[in-house]
């Protein structure tokens, strides 16, 4: 009954979700970051990476533009900005 809805493990790497991102994306300012990892932990797509203060960034191939990273940042070091035109 639910067979066609099941996908193989690891399919998220193949099916890039960033292709249907809303018209905004995160911009990591990298000025006030304290390395708390809250953005990395809250991201529903797991597209944020980094190892410490002022090193975090996102993978645009998987980011949907939901804004949870910017909302959770205690230092407001992540802004949601308008998506640039794709050439």
N, C-alpha and C. Protein backbone atom coordinates (compact mmCIF):
# COMPACT_ATOMS: atom_id res chain seq x y z
N UNK A 1 0.81 -1.19 0.00
CA UNK A 1 0.00 0.00 0.00
C UNK A 1 0.86 1.26 0.00
N UNK A 2 1.96 1.29 0.77
CA UNK A 2 2.81 2.48 0.84
C UNK A 2 4.12 2.31 0.08
N UNK A 3 4.27 1.25 -0.65
CA UNK A 3 5.51 0.94 -1.36
C UNK A 3 6.07 2.06 -2.21
N UNK A 4 5.28 2.70 -3.07
CA UNK A 4 5.83 3.73 -3.95
C UNK A 4 6.33 4.98 -3.22
N UNK A 5 5.94 5.17 -1.97
CA UNK A 5 6.36 6.35 -1.22
C UNK A 5 7.71 6.17 -0.54
N UNK A 6 8.19 4.97 -0.47
CA UNK A 6 9.44 4.68 0.22
C UNK A 6 10.61 4.91 -0.73
N UNK A 7 11.62 5.62 -0.23
CA UNK A 7 12.81 5.86 -1.02
C UNK A 7 14.00 5.17 -0.37
N UNK A 8 15.03 4.97 -1.12
CA UNK A 8 16.22 4.31 -0.60
C UNK A 8 16.98 5.25 0.33
N UNK A 9 17.67 4.71 1.32
CA UNK A 9 18.49 5.55 2.20
C UNK A 9 19.52 6.33 1.41
N UNK A 10 19.77 7.54 1.87
CA UNK A 10 20.78 8.37 1.21
C UNK A 10 20.27 9.11 -0.01
N UNK A 11 18.98 9.09 -0.26
CA UNK A 11 18.45 9.73 -1.46
C UNK A 11 18.46 11.25 -1.38
N UNK A 12 18.60 11.82 -0.17
CA UNK A 12 18.61 13.27 -0.05
C UNK A 12 19.81 13.89 -0.74
N UNK A 13 20.91 13.17 -0.82
CA UNK A 13 22.08 13.68 -1.54
C UNK A 13 21.81 13.74 -3.04
N UNK A 14 21.01 12.81 -3.52
CA UNK A 14 20.67 12.77 -4.94
C UNK A 14 19.58 13.79 -5.27
N UNK A 15 18.57 13.89 -4.40
CA UNK A 15 17.43 14.79 -4.62
C UNK A 15 17.67 16.12 -3.92
N UNK A 16 18.36 17.00 -4.57
CA UNK A 16 18.73 18.29 -3.98
C UNK A 16 17.49 19.13 -3.72
N UNK A 17 17.28 19.47 -2.44
CA UNK A 17 16.08 20.22 -2.06
C UNK A 17 16.23 21.71 -2.30
N UNK A 18 17.45 22.21 -2.43
CA UNK A 18 17.65 23.64 -2.62
C UNK A 18 17.12 24.17 -3.94
N UNK A 19 16.80 23.31 -4.87
CA UNK A 19 16.29 23.76 -6.16
C UNK A 19 14.92 24.38 -6.04
N UNK A 20 14.21 24.15 -4.93
CA UNK A 20 12.90 24.77 -4.76
C UNK A 20 12.85 25.67 -3.53
N UNK A 21 14.00 26.26 -3.18
CA UNK A 21 14.08 27.19 -2.05
C UNK A 21 13.16 28.38 -2.27
N UNK A 22 12.61 28.90 -1.20
CA UNK A 22 11.81 30.12 -1.28
C UNK A 22 12.75 31.26 -1.69
N UNK A 23 12.25 32.44 -1.85
CA UNK A 23 13.05 33.53 -2.40
C UNK A 23 14.03 34.15 -1.42
N UNK A 24 14.28 33.50 -0.29
CA UNK A 24 15.26 33.99 0.66
C UNK A 24 16.25 32.89 1.01
N UNK A 25 17.41 33.30 1.49
CA UNK A 25 18.43 32.36 1.90
C UNK A 25 19.18 32.96 3.09
N UNK A 26 19.85 32.13 3.88
CA UNK A 26 20.61 32.67 5.01
C UNK A 26 21.92 33.31 4.57
N UNK A 27 22.31 34.33 5.30
CA UNK A 27 23.63 34.92 5.12
C UNK A 27 24.30 34.90 6.48
N UNK A 28 25.39 34.17 6.58
CA UNK A 28 26.12 34.06 7.84
C UNK A 28 27.09 35.24 7.90
N UNK A 29 26.87 36.16 8.86
CA UNK A 29 27.69 37.36 8.94
C UNK A 29 29.10 37.07 9.44
N UNK A 30 29.24 36.06 10.29
CA UNK A 30 30.54 35.64 10.82
C UNK A 30 31.25 36.76 11.56
N UNK A 31 30.47 37.52 12.35
CA UNK A 31 31.04 38.60 13.15
C UNK A 31 30.84 38.36 14.65
N UNK A 32 29.64 37.93 15.01
CA UNK A 32 29.31 37.78 16.43
C UNK A 32 29.11 36.33 16.84
N UNK A 33 29.39 35.40 15.96
CA UNK A 33 29.18 33.98 16.22
C UNK A 33 29.96 33.53 17.46
N UNK A 34 29.30 32.77 18.33
CA UNK A 34 29.96 32.25 19.53
C UNK A 34 30.21 30.74 19.43
N UNK A 35 29.88 30.15 18.30
CA UNK A 35 30.12 28.73 18.09
C UNK A 35 29.20 27.83 18.89
N UNK A 36 27.97 28.25 19.12
CA UNK A 36 27.03 27.47 19.95
C UNK A 36 26.44 26.27 19.21
N UNK A 37 26.53 26.24 17.91
CA UNK A 37 26.03 25.17 17.06
C UNK A 37 24.50 25.07 17.01
N UNK A 38 23.79 26.05 17.51
CA UNK A 38 22.33 26.00 17.48
C UNK A 38 21.81 25.96 16.04
N UNK A 39 22.40 26.73 15.14
CA UNK A 39 21.96 26.73 13.74
C UNK A 39 22.17 25.36 13.12
N UNK A 40 23.30 24.76 13.40
CA UNK A 40 23.63 23.45 12.86
C UNK A 40 22.65 22.39 13.37
N UNK A 41 22.30 22.47 14.64
CA UNK A 41 21.40 21.48 15.25
C UNK A 41 19.95 21.63 14.81
N UNK A 42 19.50 22.86 14.54
CA UNK A 42 18.08 23.10 14.23
C UNK A 42 17.76 22.93 12.76
N UNK A 43 18.74 22.98 11.89
CA UNK A 43 18.49 22.92 10.44
C UNK A 43 17.79 21.61 10.07
N UNK A 44 16.58 21.69 9.49
CA UNK A 44 15.86 20.46 9.15
C UNK A 44 16.48 19.69 7.98
N UNK A 45 17.30 20.34 7.19
CA UNK A 45 17.93 19.68 6.05
C UNK A 45 19.37 19.26 6.33
N UNK A 46 19.92 19.67 7.46
CA UNK A 46 21.30 19.32 7.78
C UNK A 46 22.31 19.90 6.82
N UNK A 47 22.03 21.08 6.30
CA UNK A 47 22.90 21.66 5.28
C UNK A 47 23.88 22.70 5.83
N UNK A 48 23.92 22.85 7.15
CA UNK A 48 24.85 23.79 7.77
C UNK A 48 26.06 23.02 8.27
N UNK A 49 27.23 23.57 8.03
CA UNK A 49 28.46 22.94 8.50
C UNK A 49 29.38 24.00 9.08
N UNK A 50 30.30 23.58 9.88
CA UNK A 50 31.27 24.47 10.50
C UNK A 50 31.83 23.82 11.75
N UNK A 51 32.93 24.36 12.22
CA UNK A 51 33.62 23.75 13.37
C UNK A 51 33.76 24.66 14.57
N UNK A 52 33.36 25.91 14.49
CA UNK A 52 33.54 26.80 15.64
C UNK A 52 33.17 28.22 15.30
N UNK A 53 33.59 29.13 16.14
CA UNK A 53 33.24 30.54 15.98
C UNK A 53 33.53 31.03 14.56
N UNK A 54 32.53 31.68 13.99
CA UNK A 54 32.65 32.34 12.69
C UNK A 54 33.03 31.43 11.52
N UNK A 55 32.73 30.14 11.63
CA UNK A 55 33.07 29.21 10.54
C UNK A 55 31.85 28.58 9.89
N UNK A 56 30.66 28.83 10.40
CA UNK A 56 29.46 28.16 9.90
C UNK A 56 29.01 28.74 8.58
N UNK A 57 28.49 27.87 7.73
CA UNK A 57 27.94 28.26 6.44
C UNK A 57 26.95 27.19 6.01
N UNK A 58 26.23 27.43 4.91
CA UNK A 58 25.21 26.49 4.46
C UNK A 58 25.49 26.03 3.04
N UNK A 59 24.92 24.89 2.70
CA UNK A 59 25.05 24.34 1.35
C UNK A 59 23.80 24.74 0.57
N UNK A 60 23.92 25.61 -0.42
CA UNK A 60 22.75 26.08 -1.17
C UNK A 60 22.04 24.99 -1.96
N UNK A 61 22.68 23.86 -2.16
CA UNK A 61 22.04 22.76 -2.90
C UNK A 61 20.95 22.07 -2.08
N UNK A 62 20.97 22.29 -0.76
CA UNK A 62 20.01 21.61 0.11
C UNK A 62 19.18 22.56 0.97
N UNK A 63 19.55 23.81 1.07
CA UNK A 63 18.83 24.78 1.91
C UNK A 63 17.49 25.15 1.27
N UNK A 64 16.43 25.12 2.08
CA UNK A 64 15.09 25.48 1.60
C UNK A 64 14.74 26.92 1.91
N UNK A 65 15.54 27.59 2.72
CA UNK A 65 15.26 28.98 3.07
C UNK A 65 14.21 29.13 4.15
N UNK A 66 14.11 28.14 5.04
CA UNK A 66 13.07 28.17 6.07
C UNK A 66 13.31 29.23 7.14
N UNK A 67 14.57 29.60 7.38
CA UNK A 67 14.88 30.65 8.34
C UNK A 67 15.01 30.22 9.78
N UNK A 68 14.94 28.93 10.06
CA UNK A 68 15.05 28.50 11.46
C UNK A 68 16.44 28.79 12.02
N UNK A 69 17.47 28.73 11.19
CA UNK A 69 18.82 29.02 11.66
C UNK A 69 18.93 30.47 12.13
N UNK A 70 18.36 31.40 11.37
CA UNK A 70 18.39 32.81 11.74
C UNK A 70 17.55 33.08 12.98
N UNK A 71 16.43 32.39 13.10
CA UNK A 71 15.55 32.59 14.24
C UNK A 71 16.17 32.09 15.55
N UNK A 72 16.95 31.03 15.50
CA UNK A 72 17.51 30.44 16.71
C UNK A 72 18.83 31.07 17.14
N UNK A 73 19.50 31.76 16.24
CA UNK A 73 20.82 32.32 16.55
C UNK A 73 20.75 33.33 17.70
N UNK A 74 21.42 33.05 18.83
CA UNK A 74 21.33 33.95 19.99
C UNK A 74 22.04 35.28 19.76
N UNK A 75 22.96 35.34 18.83
CA UNK A 75 23.71 36.57 18.55
C UNK A 75 23.21 37.30 17.31
N UNK A 76 22.15 36.78 16.68
CA UNK A 76 21.58 37.37 15.46
C UNK A 76 22.66 37.57 14.39
N UNK A 77 23.51 36.56 14.25
CA UNK A 77 24.62 36.61 13.31
C UNK A 77 24.25 35.98 11.96
N UNK A 78 22.99 35.59 11.81
CA UNK A 78 22.51 35.02 10.55
C UNK A 78 21.32 35.86 10.09
N UNK A 79 21.38 36.37 8.89
CA UNK A 79 20.29 37.14 8.31
C UNK A 79 19.65 36.32 7.19
N UNK A 80 18.38 36.53 6.97
CA UNK A 80 17.72 35.95 5.80
C UNK A 80 17.64 37.05 4.76
N UNK A 81 18.26 36.81 3.62
CA UNK A 81 18.32 37.83 2.57
C UNK A 81 17.62 37.33 1.31
N UNK A 82 17.27 38.26 0.45
CA UNK A 82 16.61 37.92 -0.81
C UNK A 82 17.56 37.12 -1.70
N UNK A 83 17.04 36.08 -2.29
CA UNK A 83 17.81 35.22 -3.20
C UNK A 83 18.28 36.03 -4.40
N UNK A 84 19.53 35.87 -4.78
CA UNK A 84 20.07 36.55 -5.95
C UNK A 84 19.52 35.89 -7.21
N UNK A 85 19.43 36.63 -8.27
CA UNK A 85 18.95 36.09 -9.55
C UNK A 85 19.90 35.02 -10.05
N UNK A 86 19.33 33.95 -10.60
CA UNK A 86 20.14 32.86 -11.15
C UNK A 86 20.40 33.14 -12.62
N UNK A 87 21.67 33.20 -12.98
CA UNK A 87 22.04 33.47 -14.38
C UNK A 87 22.26 32.20 -15.14
